[in-house]
Amino acid sequence: MNFKQYLAELNNETDQIIKVNDLTKITDPKVRDRINERLNHELTDLILSPESGIQKVRKVLMSFGLDMPALYDAEPEGDELILDVESMQGDEQFYLYLIYYLADDGRYDFYAELTDEEGLNEIMSDEEEDEEE
């Protein structure tokens, strides 16, 4: 499969094709949903080091014109991060929630989500409920 076929297949996975000019409009919930779908897809592959998982996250973000700080040192046992993502379209703040840990079989499980402040609060409240149980 060549690169054009790959992109065509990727675009056919969603109902709406996101044009290159619209990629950085993370204020649009459909764009954030698309970013999160891509993050989920990339992070289901076998990940053998925290650095490779973080590179997968960085690759997805960069494909949408967003960047993740390169100065992060990955923890071998796992970590939970909340990173600011600036929007060029206004004052609304967005966050990348990222958690990963070393699974029993020696691979790393990753979860990442691009969200707004309300979504971040929901993630954090779900986490607090899990800790109480």
N, C-alpha and C. Protein backbone atom coordinates (compact mmCIF):
# COMPACT_ATOMS: atom_id res chain seq x y z
N MET A 1 0.85 -1.17 0.00
CA MET A 1 0.00 0.00 0.00
C MET A 1 0.90 1.24 0.00
N ASN A 2 0.63 2.17 -0.92
CA ASN A 2 1.42 3.39 -0.93
C ASN A 2 0.81 4.43 0.00
N PHE A 3 1.49 5.54 0.15
CA PHE A 3 1.08 6.57 1.11
C PHE A 3 -0.28 7.17 0.76
N LYS A 4 -0.55 7.41 -0.53
CA LYS A 4 -1.85 7.96 -0.94
C LYS A 4 -2.99 7.01 -0.59
N GLN A 5 -2.78 5.73 -0.81
CA GLN A 5 -3.80 4.74 -0.47
C GLN A 5 -4.03 4.70 1.04
N TYR A 6 -2.93 4.79 1.80
CA TYR A 6 -3.03 4.81 3.26
C TYR A 6 -3.87 6.00 3.73
N LEU A 7 -3.57 7.18 3.19
CA LEU A 7 -4.34 8.38 3.57
C LEU A 7 -5.80 8.26 3.17
N ALA A 8 -6.06 7.72 1.99
CA ALA A 8 -7.44 7.55 1.54
C ALA A 8 -8.18 6.60 2.47
N GLU A 9 -7.51 5.52 2.86
CA GLU A 9 -8.14 4.56 3.78
C GLU A 9 -8.39 5.20 5.14
N LEU A 10 -7.44 5.99 5.60
CA LEU A 10 -7.57 6.68 6.88
C LEU A 10 -8.75 7.64 6.84
N ASN A 11 -8.89 8.39 5.76
CA ASN A 11 -9.99 9.35 5.64
C ASN A 11 -11.34 8.65 5.50
N ASN A 12 -11.37 7.48 4.91
CA ASN A 12 -12.62 6.76 4.75
C ASN A 12 -13.14 6.18 6.06
N GLU A 13 -12.30 6.14 7.09
CA GLU A 13 -12.72 5.61 8.38
C GLU A 13 -13.71 6.52 9.09
N THR A 14 -13.76 7.77 8.71
CA THR A 14 -14.66 8.72 9.36
C THR A 14 -15.70 9.21 8.37
N ASP A 15 -16.79 9.71 8.91
CA ASP A 15 -17.86 10.24 8.05
C ASP A 15 -17.44 11.53 7.38
N GLN A 16 -16.64 12.31 8.08
CA GLN A 16 -16.24 13.61 7.56
C GLN A 16 -14.74 13.63 7.33
N ILE A 17 -14.32 14.00 6.14
CA ILE A 17 -12.90 14.12 5.84
C ILE A 17 -12.43 15.49 6.34
N ILE A 18 -11.41 15.47 7.16
CA ILE A 18 -10.87 16.72 7.70
C ILE A 18 -9.83 17.24 6.72
N LYS A 19 -10.02 18.43 6.25
CA LYS A 19 -9.10 19.03 5.29
C LYS A 19 -7.85 19.54 6.01
N VAL A 20 -6.75 19.63 5.28
CA VAL A 20 -5.48 20.05 5.87
C VAL A 20 -5.62 21.39 6.57
N ASN A 21 -6.34 22.33 6.01
CA ASN A 21 -6.49 23.64 6.62
C ASN A 21 -7.26 23.59 7.94
N ASP A 22 -8.05 22.56 8.16
CA ASP A 22 -8.87 22.45 9.36
C ASP A 22 -8.20 21.64 10.48
N LEU A 23 -7.01 21.12 10.23
CA LEU A 23 -6.42 20.19 11.17
C LEU A 23 -6.13 20.80 12.53
N THR A 24 -5.76 22.06 12.60
CA THR A 24 -5.39 22.64 13.88
C THR A 24 -6.56 23.27 14.61
N LYS A 25 -7.76 23.14 14.08
CA LYS A 25 -8.93 23.72 14.74
C LYS A 25 -9.45 22.77 15.81
N ILE A 26 -8.66 22.64 16.88
CA ILE A 26 -9.04 21.70 17.93
C ILE A 26 -10.20 22.22 18.76
N THR A 27 -10.63 23.44 18.49
CA THR A 27 -11.85 23.92 19.15
C THR A 27 -13.07 23.19 18.62
N ASP A 28 -12.96 22.58 17.44
CA ASP A 28 -14.04 21.81 16.85
C ASP A 28 -14.06 20.41 17.47
N PRO A 29 -15.15 20.03 18.14
CA PRO A 29 -15.21 18.70 18.77
C PRO A 29 -14.98 17.55 17.80
N LYS A 30 -15.37 17.71 16.54
CA LYS A 30 -15.15 16.65 15.55
C LYS A 30 -13.65 16.43 15.30
N VAL A 31 -12.89 17.50 15.30
CA VAL A 31 -11.45 17.39 15.11
C VAL A 31 -10.83 16.71 16.32
N ARG A 32 -11.25 17.11 17.53
CA ARG A 32 -10.73 16.46 18.74
C ARG A 32 -11.10 14.97 18.74
N ASP A 33 -12.31 14.64 18.32
CA ASP A 33 -12.72 13.24 18.24
C ASP A 33 -11.81 12.47 17.28
N ARG A 34 -11.51 13.08 16.15
CA ARG A 34 -10.65 12.44 15.15
C ARG A 34 -9.24 12.23 15.71
N ILE A 35 -8.73 13.23 16.41
CA ILE A 35 -7.40 13.10 17.04
C ILE A 35 -7.42 11.95 18.04
N ASN A 36 -8.46 11.88 18.86
CA ASN A 36 -8.55 10.83 19.87
C ASN A 36 -8.71 9.45 19.24
N GLU A 37 -9.43 9.36 18.12
CA GLU A 37 -9.54 8.09 17.40
C GLU A 37 -8.17 7.64 16.92
N ARG A 38 -7.41 8.57 16.36
CA ARG A 38 -6.07 8.24 15.86
C ARG A 38 -5.14 7.84 17.00
N LEU A 39 -5.23 8.56 18.14
CA LEU A 39 -4.43 8.19 19.31
C LEU A 39 -4.76 6.78 19.76
N ASN A 40 -6.05 6.49 19.85
CA ASN A 40 -6.48 5.16 20.28
C ASN A 40 -5.97 4.09 19.31
N HIS A 41 -6.08 4.36 18.02
CA HIS A 41 -5.62 3.40 17.01
C HIS A 41 -4.11 3.15 17.13
N GLU A 42 -3.33 4.20 17.25
CA GLU A 42 -1.87 4.06 17.32
C GLU A 42 -1.43 3.35 18.60
N LEU A 43 -2.14 3.58 19.69
CA LEU A 43 -1.71 3.05 20.98
C LEU A 43 -2.20 1.63 21.25
N THR A 44 -2.91 1.02 20.30
CA THR A 44 -3.32 -0.37 20.47
C THR A 44 -2.25 -1.33 19.96
N ASP A 45 -1.27 -0.81 19.23
CA ASP A 45 -0.16 -1.64 18.76
C ASP A 45 0.71 -2.08 19.94
N LEU A 46 1.54 -3.06 19.70
CA LEU A 46 2.49 -3.54 20.69
C LEU A 46 3.51 -2.43 20.97
N ILE A 47 3.64 -2.04 22.24
CA ILE A 47 4.57 -0.99 22.64
C ILE A 47 5.53 -1.58 23.66
N LEU A 48 6.82 -1.59 23.32
CA LEU A 48 7.82 -2.24 24.17
C LEU A 48 8.63 -1.29 25.03
N SER A 49 8.47 0.02 24.81
CA SER A 49 9.18 1.00 25.65
C SER A 49 8.32 2.25 25.79
N PRO A 50 8.47 2.96 26.91
CA PRO A 50 7.68 4.19 27.07
C PRO A 50 8.03 5.23 26.00
N GLU A 51 9.29 5.25 25.59
CA GLU A 51 9.70 6.22 24.57
C GLU A 51 8.97 5.98 23.24
N SER A 52 8.80 4.71 22.86
CA SER A 52 8.12 4.44 21.59
C SER A 52 6.64 4.81 21.68
N GLY A 53 6.01 4.61 22.82
CA GLY A 53 4.62 5.03 22.99
C GLY A 53 4.46 6.54 22.91
N ILE A 54 5.38 7.24 23.54
CA ILE A 54 5.33 8.70 23.51
C ILE A 54 5.59 9.21 22.09
N GLN A 55 6.47 8.54 21.36
CA GLN A 55 6.70 8.91 19.96
C GLN A 55 5.44 8.72 19.12
N LYS A 56 4.67 7.67 19.40
CA LYS A 56 3.42 7.44 18.68
C LYS A 56 2.43 8.58 18.96
N VAL A 57 2.35 9.02 20.21
CA VAL A 57 1.48 10.14 20.58
C VAL A 57 1.95 11.39 19.86
N ARG A 58 3.25 11.64 19.90
CA ARG A 58 3.82 12.83 19.25
C ARG A 58 3.53 12.81 17.75
N LYS A 59 3.63 11.64 17.12
CA LYS A 59 3.39 11.51 15.68
C LYS A 59 1.94 11.88 15.33
N VAL A 60 0.99 11.39 16.12
CA VAL A 60 -0.41 11.72 15.87
C VAL A 60 -0.65 13.22 16.03
N LEU A 61 -0.15 13.78 17.11
CA LEU A 61 -0.35 15.22 17.35
C LEU A 61 0.27 16.05 16.23
N MET A 62 1.46 15.67 15.79
CA MET A 62 2.12 16.44 14.74
C MET A 62 1.36 16.35 13.42
N SER A 63 0.67 15.22 13.18
CA SER A 63 -0.11 15.11 11.95
C SER A 63 -1.30 16.06 11.94
N PHE A 64 -1.65 16.58 13.11
CA PHE A 64 -2.72 17.57 13.22
C PHE A 64 -2.18 18.97 13.52
N GLY A 65 -0.88 19.15 13.34
CA GLY A 65 -0.27 20.46 13.54
C GLY A 65 -0.08 20.84 14.99
N LEU A 66 -0.08 19.86 15.90
CA LEU A 66 0.12 20.11 17.32
C LEU A 66 1.44 19.50 17.74
N ASP A 67 2.01 20.02 18.81
CA ASP A 67 3.31 19.51 19.25
C ASP A 67 3.24 19.14 20.72
N MET A 68 4.06 18.17 21.07
CA MET A 68 4.20 17.72 22.46
C MET A 68 5.62 18.05 22.88
N PRO A 69 5.82 18.56 24.09
CA PRO A 69 7.18 18.92 24.51
C PRO A 69 8.13 17.73 24.39
N ALA A 70 9.31 17.97 23.84
CA ALA A 70 10.29 16.91 23.62
C ALA A 70 11.15 16.66 24.85
N LEU A 71 11.03 17.48 25.87
CA LEU A 71 11.91 17.38 27.02
C LEU A 71 11.44 16.38 28.08
N TYR A 72 10.35 15.70 27.82
CA TYR A 72 9.83 14.76 28.79
C TYR A 72 10.68 13.49 28.84
N ASP A 73 11.13 13.10 30.04
CA ASP A 73 11.87 11.85 30.24
C ASP A 73 10.89 10.79 30.70
N ALA A 74 10.75 9.75 29.91
CA ALA A 74 9.79 8.69 30.20
C ALA A 74 10.24 7.86 31.40
N GLU A 75 9.31 7.57 32.27
CA GLU A 75 9.56 6.74 33.44
C GLU A 75 9.37 5.27 33.06
N PRO A 76 10.33 4.40 33.36
CA PRO A 76 10.23 2.99 32.95
C PRO A 76 9.06 2.23 33.58
N GLU A 77 8.62 2.62 34.77
CA GLU A 77 7.53 1.89 35.42
C GLU A 77 6.15 2.43 35.05
N GLY A 78 6.10 3.61 34.45
CA GLY A 78 4.84 4.21 34.03
C GLY A 78 4.69 5.62 34.59
N ASP A 79 3.68 6.32 34.08
CA ASP A 79 3.49 7.70 34.52
C ASP A 79 2.10 8.17 34.07
N GLU A 80 1.69 9.26 34.65
CA GLU A 80 0.44 9.93 34.28
C GLU A 80 0.77 11.40 34.09
N LEU A 81 0.40 11.95 32.94
CA LEU A 81 0.74 13.33 32.60
C LEU A 81 -0.48 14.10 32.13
N ILE A 82 -0.46 15.39 32.39
CA ILE A 82 -1.44 16.29 31.81
C ILE A 82 -0.62 17.43 31.20
N LEU A 83 -0.69 17.55 29.87
CA LEU A 83 0.09 18.55 29.16
C LEU A 83 -0.84 19.59 28.54
N ASP A 84 -0.45 20.86 28.62
CA ASP A 84 -1.21 21.92 27.98
C ASP A 84 -1.02 21.86 26.47
N VAL A 85 -2.11 22.06 25.73
CA VAL A 85 -2.06 22.15 24.28
C VAL A 85 -2.72 23.48 23.92
N GLU A 86 -1.95 24.35 23.30
CA GLU A 86 -2.47 25.67 22.99
C GLU A 86 -3.27 25.65 21.70
N SER A 87 -4.37 26.37 21.73
CA SER A 87 -5.20 26.51 20.54
C SER A 87 -4.90 27.86 19.90
N MET A 88 -4.76 27.87 18.60
CA MET A 88 -4.51 29.12 17.88
C MET A 88 -5.80 29.87 17.60
N GLN A 89 -6.95 29.27 17.94
CA GLN A 89 -8.23 29.86 17.55
C GLN A 89 -8.92 30.63 18.66
N GLY A 90 -8.31 30.82 19.78
CA GLY A 90 -9.00 31.56 20.83
C GLY A 90 -8.40 31.30 22.19
N ASP A 91 -9.16 31.63 23.21
CA ASP A 91 -8.66 31.56 24.57
C ASP A 91 -8.90 30.21 25.23
N GLU A 92 -9.67 29.34 24.59
CA GLU A 92 -9.99 28.05 25.20
C GLU A 92 -8.73 27.20 25.33
N GLN A 93 -8.55 26.59 26.49
CA GLN A 93 -7.37 25.76 26.76
C GLN A 93 -7.72 24.28 26.57
N PHE A 94 -6.79 23.53 26.00
CA PHE A 94 -6.96 22.11 25.80
C PHE A 94 -5.79 21.37 26.45
N TYR A 95 -6.05 20.10 26.76
CA TYR A 95 -5.07 19.30 27.50
C TYR A 95 -4.92 17.93 26.85
N LEU A 96 -3.71 17.41 26.95
CA LEU A 96 -3.46 16.04 26.56
C LEU A 96 -3.29 15.25 27.86
N TYR A 97 -4.21 14.33 28.09
CA TYR A 97 -4.11 13.43 29.23
C TYR A 97 -3.44 12.17 28.73
N LEU A 98 -2.37 11.76 29.40
CA LEU A 98 -1.58 10.60 28.98
C LEU A 98 -1.25 9.76 30.20
N ILE A 99 -1.54 8.48 30.11
CA ILE A 99 -1.18 7.55 31.18
C ILE A 99 -0.62 6.28 30.52
N TYR A 100 0.42 5.75 31.13
CA TYR A 100 0.97 4.49 30.64
C TYR A 100 1.57 3.72 31.81
N TYR A 101 1.64 2.41 31.64
CA TYR A 101 2.23 1.57 32.69
C TYR A 101 2.77 0.29 32.06
N LEU A 102 3.68 -0.32 32.77
CA LEU A 102 4.28 -1.57 32.34
C LEU A 102 3.34 -2.70 32.72
N ALA A 103 2.89 -3.45 31.73
CA ALA A 103 1.98 -4.58 31.95
C ALA A 103 2.78 -5.82 32.38
N ASP A 104 2.07 -6.81 32.88
CA ASP A 104 2.71 -8.04 33.36
C ASP A 104 3.47 -8.77 32.28
N ASP A 105 3.05 -8.63 31.03
CA ASP A 105 3.71 -9.36 29.94
C ASP A 105 4.91 -8.61 29.34
N GLY A 106 5.32 -7.49 29.97
CA GLY A 106 6.52 -6.78 29.54
C GLY A 106 6.28 -5.69 28.51
N ARG A 107 5.07 -5.53 28.05
CA ARG A 107 4.76 -4.44 27.12
C ARG A 107 4.14 -3.29 27.91
N TYR A 108 3.99 -2.16 27.24
CA TYR A 108 3.41 -0.98 27.89
C TYR A 108 2.00 -0.74 27.37
N ASP A 109 1.10 -0.46 28.29
CA ASP A 109 -0.26 -0.05 27.95
C ASP A 109 -0.32 1.47 28.04
N PHE A 110 -0.81 2.09 26.97
CA PHE A 110 -0.92 3.54 26.89
C PHE A 110 -2.37 3.95 26.69
N TYR A 111 -2.71 5.11 27.24
CA TYR A 111 -3.99 5.76 26.95
C TYR A 111 -3.72 7.24 26.85
N ALA A 112 -4.21 7.88 25.80
CA ALA A 112 -4.05 9.32 25.62
C ALA A 112 -5.36 9.89 25.10
N GLU A 113 -5.67 11.10 25.56
CA GLU A 113 -6.89 11.77 25.12
C GLU A 113 -6.66 13.28 25.10
N LEU A 114 -7.06 13.90 24.01
CA LEU A 114 -7.03 15.35 23.90
C LEU A 114 -8.40 15.85 24.34
N THR A 115 -8.44 16.75 25.30
CA THR A 115 -9.71 17.17 25.86
C THR A 115 -9.66 18.63 26.31
N ASP A 116 -10.84 19.16 26.59
CA ASP A 116 -10.92 20.51 27.15
C ASP A 116 -10.94 20.40 28.67
N GLU A 117 -11.11 21.53 29.34
CA GLU A 117 -11.06 21.54 30.81
C GLU A 117 -12.19 20.69 31.42
N GLU A 118 -13.37 20.76 30.84
CA GLU A 118 -14.50 19.97 31.34
C GLU A 118 -14.21 18.47 31.23
N GLY A 119 -13.69 18.06 30.08
CA GLY A 119 -13.35 16.65 29.88
C GLY A 119 -12.25 16.19 30.82
N LEU A 120 -11.27 17.07 31.06
CA LEU A 120 -10.18 16.73 31.98
C LEU A 120 -10.72 16.55 33.39
N ASN A 121 -11.62 17.44 33.80
CA ASN A 121 -12.23 17.30 35.13
C ASN A 121 -12.99 15.98 35.25
N GLU A 122 -13.65 15.57 34.17
CA GLU A 122 -14.39 14.31 34.17
C GLU A 122 -13.43 13.12 34.30
N ILE A 123 -12.32 13.17 33.57
CA ILE A 123 -11.32 12.10 33.67
C ILE A 123 -10.78 12.01 35.09
N MET A 124 -10.46 13.15 35.67
CA MET A 124 -9.89 13.17 37.01
C MET A 124 -10.91 12.71 38.05
N SER A 125 -12.18 13.05 37.90
CA SER A 125 -13.19 12.61 38.86
C SER A 125 -13.44 11.12 38.73
N ASP A 126 -13.39 10.57 37.51
CA ASP A 126 -13.51 9.13 37.31
C ASP A 126 -12.36 8.40 38.00
N GLU A 127 -11.18 8.98 37.92
CA GLU A 127 -10.00 8.38 38.52
C GLU A 127 -10.13 8.37 40.05
N GLU A 128 -10.65 9.46 40.62
CA GLU A 128 -10.83 9.53 42.08
C GLU A 128 -11.86 8.49 42.54
N GLU A 129 -12.91 8.28 41.76
CA GLU A 129 -13.92 7.27 42.10
C GLU A 129 -13.30 5.87 42.07
N ASP A 130 -12.42 5.61 41.09
CA ASP A 130 -11.76 4.31 41.00
C ASP A 130 -10.86 4.06 42.22
N GLU A 131 -10.18 5.11 42.69
CA GLU A 131 -9.29 4.97 43.84
C GLU A 131 -10.08 4.68 45.12
N GLU A 132 -11.28 5.22 45.23
CA GLU A 132 -12.09 5.01 46.42
C GLU A 132 -12.62 3.59 46.50
N GLU A 133 -12.84 2.94 45.37
CA GLU A 133 -13.43 1.58 45.36
C GLU A 133 -12.46 0.53 45.74
